[in-house]
ModelCIF file with pLDDT and N, C-alpha, C, O atoms, coordinates in Angstrom:
data_MODEL
#
_entry.id   MODEL 
#
_entity.id                         1 
_entity.type                       polymer 
_entity.pdbx_number_of_molecules   1 
#
_entity_poly.entity_id                      1 
_entity_poly.type                           'polypeptide(L)' 
_entity_poly.nstd_linkage                   no 
_entity_poly.nstd_monomer                   no 
_entity_poly.pdbx_seq_one_letter_code       LPLLLLPLGVRSENGMAVACYLGGKHITFN 
_entity_poly.pdbx_seq_one_letter_code_can   LPLLLLPLGVRSENGMAVACYLGGKHITFN 
_entity_poly.pdbx_strand_id                 A 
#
loop_
_entity_poly_seq.entity_id 
_entity_poly_seq.num 
_entity_poly_seq.mon_id 
_entity_poly_seq.hetero 
1 1  LEU n 
1 2  PRO n 
1 3  LEU n 
1 4  LEU n 
1 5  LEU n 
1 6  LEU n 
1 7  PRO n 
1 8  LEU n 
1 9  GLY n 
1 10 VAL n 
1 11 ARG n 
1 12 SER n 
1 13 GLU n 
1 14 ASN n 
1 15 GLY n 
1 16 MET n 
1 17 ALA n 
1 18 VAL n 
1 19 ALA n 
1 20 CYS n 
1 21 TYR n 
1 22 LEU n 
1 23 GLY n 
1 24 GLY n 
1 25 LYS n 
1 26 HIS n 
1 27 ILE n 
1 28 THR n 
1 29 PHE n 
1 30 ASN n 
#
_struct_asym.id          A 
_struct_asym.entity_id   1 
#
loop_
_ma_qa_metric.id 
_ma_qa_metric.mode 
_ma_qa_metric.name 
_ma_qa_metric.software_group_id 
_ma_qa_metric.type 
1 global pLDDT . pLDDT 
2 local  pLDDT . pLDDT 
#
_ma_qa_metric_global.metric_id      1 
_ma_qa_metric_global.metric_value   95.27 
_ma_qa_metric_global.model_id       1 
_ma_qa_metric_global.ordinal_id     1 
#
loop_
_ma_qa_metric_local.label_asym_id 
_ma_qa_metric_local.label_comp_id 
_ma_qa_metric_local.label_seq_id 
_ma_qa_metric_local.metric_id 
_ma_qa_metric_local.metric_value 
_ma_qa_metric_local.model_id 
_ma_qa_metric_local.ordinal_id 
A LEU 1  2 97.00 1 1  
A PRO 2  2 98.00 1 2  
A LEU 3  2 98.00 1 3  
A LEU 4  2 98.00 1 4  
A LEU 5  2 98.00 1 5  
A LEU 6  2 98.00 1 6  
A PRO 7  2 98.00 1 7  
A LEU 8  2 98.00 1 8  
A GLY 9  2 97.00 1 9  
A VAL 10 2 97.00 1 10 
A ARG 11 2 95.00 1 11 
A SER 12 2 93.00 1 12 
A GLU 13 2 89.00 1 13 
A ASN 14 2 84.00 1 14 
A GLY 15 2 88.00 1 15 
A MET 16 2 93.00 1 16 
A ALA 17 2 94.00 1 17 
A VAL 18 2 96.00 1 18 
A ALA 19 2 97.00 1 19 
A CYS 20 2 97.00 1 20 
A TYR 21 2 98.00 1 21 
A LEU 22 2 98.00 1 22 
A GLY 23 2 97.00 1 23 
A GLY 24 2 94.00 1 24 
A LYS 25 2 92.00 1 25 
A HIS 26 2 94.00 1 26 
A ILE 27 2 95.00 1 27 
A THR 28 2 94.00 1 28 
A PHE 29 2 96.00 1 29 
A ASN 30 2 97.00 1 30 
#
loop_
_atom_site.group_PDB 
_atom_site.id 
_atom_site.type_symbol 
_atom_site.label_atom_id 
_atom_site.label_alt_id 
_atom_site.label_comp_id 
_atom_site.label_asym_id 
_atom_site.label_entity_id 
_atom_site.label_seq_id 
_atom_site.pdbx_PDB_ins_code 
_atom_site.Cartn_x 
_atom_site.Cartn_y 
_atom_site.Cartn_z 
_atom_site.occupancy 
_atom_site.B_iso_or_equiv 
_atom_site.pdbx_formal_charge 
_atom_site.auth_seq_id 
_atom_site.auth_comp_id 
_atom_site.auth_asym_id 
_atom_site.auth_atom_id 
_atom_site.pdbx_PDB_model_num 
ATOM 1   N N  . LEU A 1 1  ? 72.394  90.715  90.246  1.00 97.00 ? 1  LEU A N  1 
ATOM 2   C CA . LEU A 1 1  ? 73.678  90.280  89.682  1.00 97.00 ? 1  LEU A CA 1 
ATOM 3   C C  . LEU A 1 1  ? 74.818  90.916  90.466  1.00 97.00 ? 1  LEU A C  1 
ATOM 4   O O  . LEU A 1 1  ? 74.829  92.137  90.624  1.00 97.00 ? 1  LEU A O  1 
ATOM 5   N N  . PRO A 1 2  ? 75.783  90.135  90.967  1.00 98.00 ? 2  PRO A N  1 
ATOM 6   C CA . PRO A 1 2  ? 76.943  90.732  91.646  1.00 98.00 ? 2  PRO A CA 1 
ATOM 7   C C  . PRO A 1 2  ? 77.811  91.488  90.646  1.00 98.00 ? 2  PRO A C  1 
ATOM 8   O O  . PRO A 1 2  ? 78.302  90.907  89.679  1.00 98.00 ? 2  PRO A O  1 
ATOM 9   N N  . LEU A 1 3  ? 77.996  92.772  90.880  1.00 98.00 ? 3  LEU A N  1 
ATOM 10  C CA . LEU A 1 3  ? 78.783  93.609  89.986  1.00 98.00 ? 3  LEU A CA 1 
ATOM 11  C C  . LEU A 1 3  ? 80.252  93.678  90.395  1.00 98.00 ? 3  LEU A C  1 
ATOM 12  O O  . LEU A 1 3  ? 81.135  93.833  89.552  1.00 98.00 ? 3  LEU A O  1 
ATOM 13  N N  . LEU A 1 4  ? 80.501  93.562  91.691  1.00 98.00 ? 4  LEU A N  1 
ATOM 14  C CA . LEU A 1 4  ? 81.884  93.582  92.168  1.00 98.00 ? 4  LEU A CA 1 
ATOM 15  C C  . LEU A 1 4  ? 81.948  93.001  93.566  1.00 98.00 ? 4  LEU A C  1 
ATOM 16  O O  . LEU A 1 4  ? 80.969  93.009  94.312  1.00 98.00 ? 4  LEU A O  1 
ATOM 17  N N  . LEU A 1 5  ? 83.133  92.492  93.902  1.00 98.00 ? 5  LEU A N  1 
ATOM 18  C CA . LEU A 1 5  ? 83.413  92.034  95.257  1.00 98.00 ? 5  LEU A CA 1 
ATOM 19  C C  . LEU A 1 5  ? 84.682  92.739  95.703  1.00 98.00 ? 5  LEU A C  1 
ATOM 20  O O  . LEU A 1 5  ? 85.730  92.611  95.069  1.00 98.00 ? 5  LEU A O  1 
ATOM 21  N N  . LEU A 1 6  ? 84.583  93.485  96.799  1.00 98.00 ? 6  LEU A N  1 
ATOM 22  C CA . LEU A 1 6  ? 85.702  94.263  97.323  1.00 98.00 ? 6  LEU A CA 1 
ATOM 23  C C  . LEU A 1 6  ? 86.229  93.565  98.583  1.00 98.00 ? 6  LEU A C  1 
ATOM 24  O O  . LEU A 1 6  ? 85.579  93.621  99.627  1.00 98.00 ? 6  LEU A O  1 
ATOM 25  N N  . PRO A 1 7  ? 87.398  92.906  98.503  1.00 98.00 ? 7  PRO A N  1 
ATOM 26  C CA . PRO A 1 7  ? 87.888  92.075  99.617  1.00 98.00 ? 7  PRO A CA 1 
ATOM 27  C C  . PRO A 1 7  ? 88.682  92.877  100.642 1.00 98.00 ? 7  PRO A C  1 
ATOM 28  O O  . PRO A 1 7  ? 89.900  93.014  100.525 1.00 98.00 ? 7  PRO A O  1 
ATOM 29  N N  . LEU A 1 8  ? 87.996  93.398  101.630 1.00 98.00 ? 8  LEU A N  1 
ATOM 30  C CA . LEU A 1 8  ? 88.623  94.245  102.639 1.00 98.00 ? 8  LEU A CA 1 
ATOM 31  C C  . LEU A 1 8  ? 88.672  93.561  104.002 1.00 98.00 ? 8  LEU A C  1 
ATOM 32  O O  . LEU A 1 8  ? 87.959  92.591  104.260 1.00 98.00 ? 8  LEU A O  1 
ATOM 33  N N  . GLY A 1 9  ? 89.531  94.093  104.864 1.00 97.00 ? 9  GLY A N  1 
ATOM 34  C CA . GLY A 1 9  ? 89.569  93.702  106.257 1.00 97.00 ? 9  GLY A CA 1 
ATOM 35  C C  . GLY A 1 9  ? 89.698  94.957  107.096 1.00 97.00 ? 9  GLY A C  1 
ATOM 36  O O  . GLY A 1 9  ? 90.317  95.929  106.665 1.00 97.00 ? 9  GLY A O  1 
ATOM 37  N N  . VAL A 1 10 ? 89.125  94.951  108.281 1.00 97.00 ? 10 VAL A N  1 
ATOM 38  C CA . VAL A 1 10 ? 89.126  96.121  109.160 1.00 97.00 ? 10 VAL A CA 1 
ATOM 39  C C  . VAL A 1 10 ? 90.062  95.884  110.331 1.00 97.00 ? 10 VAL A C  1 
ATOM 40  O O  . VAL A 1 10 ? 90.060  94.813  110.939 1.00 97.00 ? 10 VAL A O  1 
ATOM 41  N N  . ARG A 1 11 ? 90.863  96.899  110.640 1.00 95.00 ? 11 ARG A N  1 
ATOM 42  C CA . ARG A 1 11 ? 91.704  96.860  111.836 1.00 95.00 ? 11 ARG A CA 1 
ATOM 43  C C  . ARG A 1 11 ? 91.606  98.207  112.534 1.00 95.00 ? 11 ARG A C  1 
ATOM 44  O O  . ARG A 1 11 ? 91.217  99.208  111.933 1.00 95.00 ? 11 ARG A O  1 
ATOM 45  N N  . SER A 1 12 ? 91.966  98.216  113.817 1.00 93.00 ? 12 SER A N  1 
ATOM 46  C CA . SER A 1 12 ? 91.934  99.459  114.590 1.00 93.00 ? 12 SER A CA 1 
ATOM 47  C C  . SER A 1 12 ? 93.285  100.142 114.500 1.00 93.00 ? 12 SER A C  1 
ATOM 48  O O  . SER A 1 12 ? 94.317  99.532  114.780 1.00 93.00 ? 12 SER A O  1 
ATOM 49  N N  . GLU A 1 13 ? 93.278  101.419 114.105 1.00 89.00 ? 13 GLU A N  1 
ATOM 50  C CA . GLU A 1 13 ? 94.503  102.218 114.029 1.00 89.00 ? 13 GLU A CA 1 
ATOM 51  C C  . GLU A 1 13 ? 94.225  103.593 114.630 1.00 89.00 ? 13 GLU A C  1 
ATOM 52  O O  . GLU A 1 13 ? 93.376  104.338 114.140 1.00 89.00 ? 13 GLU A O  1 
ATOM 53  N N  . ASN A 1 14 ? 94.947  103.917 115.689 1.00 84.00 ? 14 ASN A N  1 
ATOM 54  C CA . ASN A 1 14 ? 94.811  105.228 116.350 1.00 84.00 ? 14 ASN A CA 1 
ATOM 55  C C  . ASN A 1 14 ? 93.367  105.549 116.693 1.00 84.00 ? 14 ASN A C  1 
ATOM 56  O O  . ASN A 1 14 ? 92.911  106.680 116.524 1.00 84.00 ? 14 ASN A O  1 
ATOM 57  N N  . GLY A 1 15 ? 92.656  104.544 117.177 1.00 88.00 ? 15 GLY A N  1 
ATOM 58  C CA . GLY A 1 15 ? 91.285  104.748 117.612 1.00 88.00 ? 15 GLY A CA 1 
ATOM 59  C C  . GLY A 1 15 ? 90.260  104.773 116.497 1.00 88.00 ? 15 GLY A C  1 
ATOM 60  O O  . GLY A 1 15 ? 89.082  105.023 116.752 1.00 88.00 ? 15 GLY A O  1 
ATOM 61  N N  . MET A 1 16 ? 90.680  104.520 115.264 1.00 93.00 ? 16 MET A N  1 
ATOM 62  C CA . MET A 1 16 ? 89.747  104.496 114.136 1.00 93.00 ? 16 MET A CA 1 
ATOM 63  C C  . MET A 1 16 ? 89.680  103.106 113.529 1.00 93.00 ? 16 MET A C  1 
ATOM 64  O O  . MET A 1 16 ? 90.643  102.344 113.608 1.00 93.00 ? 16 MET A O  1 
ATOM 65  N N  . ALA A 1 17 ? 88.553  102.777 112.926 1.00 94.00 ? 17 ALA A N  1 
ATOM 66  C CA . ALA A 1 17 ? 88.397  101.528 112.189 1.00 94.00 ? 17 ALA A CA 1 
ATOM 67  C C  . ALA A 1 17 ? 88.796  101.785 110.737 1.00 94.00 ? 17 ALA A C  1 
ATOM 68  O O  . ALA A 1 17 ? 88.114  102.510 110.012 1.00 94.00 ? 17 ALA A O  1 
ATOM 69  N N  . VAL A 1 18 ? 89.901  101.188 110.328 1.00 96.00 ? 18 VAL A N  1 
ATOM 70  C CA . VAL A 1 18 ? 90.459  101.401 108.988 1.00 96.00 ? 18 VAL A CA 1 
ATOM 71  C C  . VAL A 1 18 ? 90.272  100.129 108.166 1.00 96.00 ? 18 VAL A C  1 
ATOM 72  O O  . VAL A 1 18 ? 90.675  99.048  108.596 1.00 96.00 ? 18 VAL A O  1 
ATOM 73  N N  . ALA A 1 19 ? 89.672  100.249 107.000 1.00 97.00 ? 19 ALA A N  1 
ATOM 74  C CA . ALA A 1 19 ? 89.470  99.106  106.109 1.00 97.00 ? 19 ALA A CA 1 
ATOM 75  C C  . ALA A 1 19 ? 90.513  99.138  105.005 1.00 97.00 ? 19 ALA A C  1 
ATOM 76  O O  . ALA A 1 19 ? 90.635  100.124 104.277 1.00 97.00 ? 19 ALA A O  1 
ATOM 77  N N  . CYS A 1 20 ? 91.266  98.043  104.887 1.00 97.00 ? 20 CYS A N  1 
ATOM 78  C CA . CYS A 1 20 ? 92.302  97.890  103.867 1.00 97.00 ? 20 CYS A CA 1 
ATOM 79  C C  . CYS A 1 20 ? 92.038  96.610  103.092 1.00 97.00 ? 20 CYS A C  1 
ATOM 80  O O  . CYS A 1 20 ? 91.249  95.768  103.521 1.00 97.00 ? 20 CYS A O  1 
ATOM 81  N N  . TYR A 1 21 ? 92.690  96.468  101.971 1.00 98.00 ? 21 TYR A N  1 
ATOM 82  C CA . TYR A 1 21 ? 92.616  95.205  101.239 1.00 98.00 ? 21 TYR A CA 1 
ATOM 83  C C  . TYR A 1 21 ? 93.224  94.086  102.084 1.00 98.00 ? 21 TYR A C  1 
ATOM 84  O O  . TYR A 1 21 ? 94.205  94.295  102.797 1.00 98.00 ? 21 TYR A O  1 
ATOM 85  N N  . LEU A 1 22 ? 92.631  92.905  101.996 1.00 98.00 ? 22 LEU A N  1 
ATOM 86  C CA . LEU A 1 22 ? 93.209  91.731  102.624 1.00 98.00 ? 22 LEU A CA 1 
ATOM 87  C C  . LEU A 1 22 ? 94.540  91.396  101.938 1.00 98.00 ? 22 LEU A C  1 
ATOM 88  O O  . LEU A 1 22 ? 94.733  91.686  100.758 1.00 98.00 ? 22 LEU A O  1 
ATOM 89  N N  . GLY A 1 23 ? 95.436  90.792  102.688 1.00 97.00 ? 23 GLY A N  1 
ATOM 90  C CA . GLY A 1 23 ? 96.718  90.380  102.112 1.00 97.00 ? 23 GLY A CA 1 
ATOM 91  C C  . GLY A 1 23 ? 97.884  91.225  102.546 1.00 97.00 ? 23 GLY A C  1 
ATOM 92  O O  . GLY A 1 23 ? 99.033  90.797  102.436 1.00 97.00 ? 23 GLY A O  1 
ATOM 93  N N  . GLY A 1 24 ? 97.610  92.438  103.046 1.00 94.00 ? 24 GLY A N  1 
ATOM 94  C CA . GLY A 1 24 ? 98.656  93.295  103.578 1.00 94.00 ? 24 GLY A CA 1 
ATOM 95  C C  . GLY A 1 24 ? 99.814  93.513  102.625 1.00 94.00 ? 24 GLY A C  1 
ATOM 96  O O  . GLY A 1 24 ? 99.621  93.639  101.416 1.00 94.00 ? 24 GLY A O  1 
ATOM 97  N N  . LYS A 1 25 ? 101.023 93.557  103.176 1.00 92.00 ? 25 LYS A N  1 
ATOM 98  C CA . LYS A 1 25 ? 102.215 93.869  102.391 1.00 92.00 ? 25 LYS A CA 1 
ATOM 99  C C  . LYS A 1 25 ? 102.667 92.730  101.499 1.00 92.00 ? 25 LYS A C  1 
ATOM 100 O O  . LYS A 1 25 ? 103.599 92.900  100.712 1.00 92.00 ? 25 LYS A O  1 
ATOM 101 N N  . HIS A 1 26 ? 102.026 91.568  101.604 1.00 94.00 ? 26 HIS A N  1 
ATOM 102 C CA . HIS A 1 26 ? 102.431 90.431  100.772 1.00 94.00 ? 26 HIS A CA 1 
ATOM 103 C C  . HIS A 1 26 ? 101.793 90.484  99.384  1.00 94.00 ? 26 HIS A C  1 
ATOM 104 O O  . HIS A 1 26 ? 102.104 89.663  98.521  1.00 94.00 ? 26 HIS A O  1 
ATOM 105 N N  . ILE A 1 27 ? 100.912 91.439  99.176  1.00 95.00 ? 27 ILE A N  1 
ATOM 106 C CA . ILE A 1 27 ? 100.187 91.562  97.919  1.00 95.00 ? 27 ILE A CA 1 
ATOM 107 C C  . ILE A 1 27 ? 100.715 92.772  97.150  1.00 95.00 ? 27 ILE A C  1 
ATOM 108 O O  . ILE A 1 27 ? 100.787 93.873  97.695  1.00 95.00 ? 27 ILE A O  1 
ATOM 109 N N  . THR A 1 28 ? 101.082 92.569  95.891  1.00 94.00 ? 28 THR A N  1 
ATOM 110 C CA . THR A 1 28 ? 101.585 93.680  95.079  1.00 94.00 ? 28 THR A CA 1 
ATOM 111 C C  . THR A 1 28 ? 100.454 94.552  94.563  1.00 94.00 ? 28 THR A C  1 
ATOM 112 O O  . THR A 1 28 ? 100.514 95.776  94.682  1.00 94.00 ? 28 THR A O  1 
ATOM 113 N N  . PHE A 1 29 ? 99.416  93.936  93.986  1.00 96.00 ? 29 PHE A N  1 
ATOM 114 C CA . PHE A 1 29 ? 98.310  94.696  93.400  1.00 96.00 ? 29 PHE A CA 1 
ATOM 115 C C  . PHE A 1 29 ? 97.006  94.370  94.101  1.00 96.00 ? 29 PHE A C  1 
ATOM 116 O O  . PHE A 1 29 ? 96.711  93.211  94.392  1.00 96.00 ? 29 PHE A O  1 
ATOM 117 N N  . ASN A 1 30 ? 96.228  95.416  94.369  1.00 97.00 ? 30 ASN A N  1 
ATOM 118 C CA . ASN A 1 30 ? 94.926  95.268  95.022  1.00 97.00 ? 30 ASN A CA 1 
ATOM 119 C C  . ASN A 1 30 ? 93.833  95.806  94.113  1.00 97.00 ? 30 ASN A C  1 
ATOM 120 O O  . ASN A 1 30 ? 92.657  95.774  94.476  1.00 97.00 ? 30 ASN A O  1 
#
């Protein structure tokens, strides 16, 4: 049974792979 879905996206920042919520600054709540 799927208990949760975490909608992330990965980008490179200062040589690291950083995972953030999709939607960026256009989304108020994540």
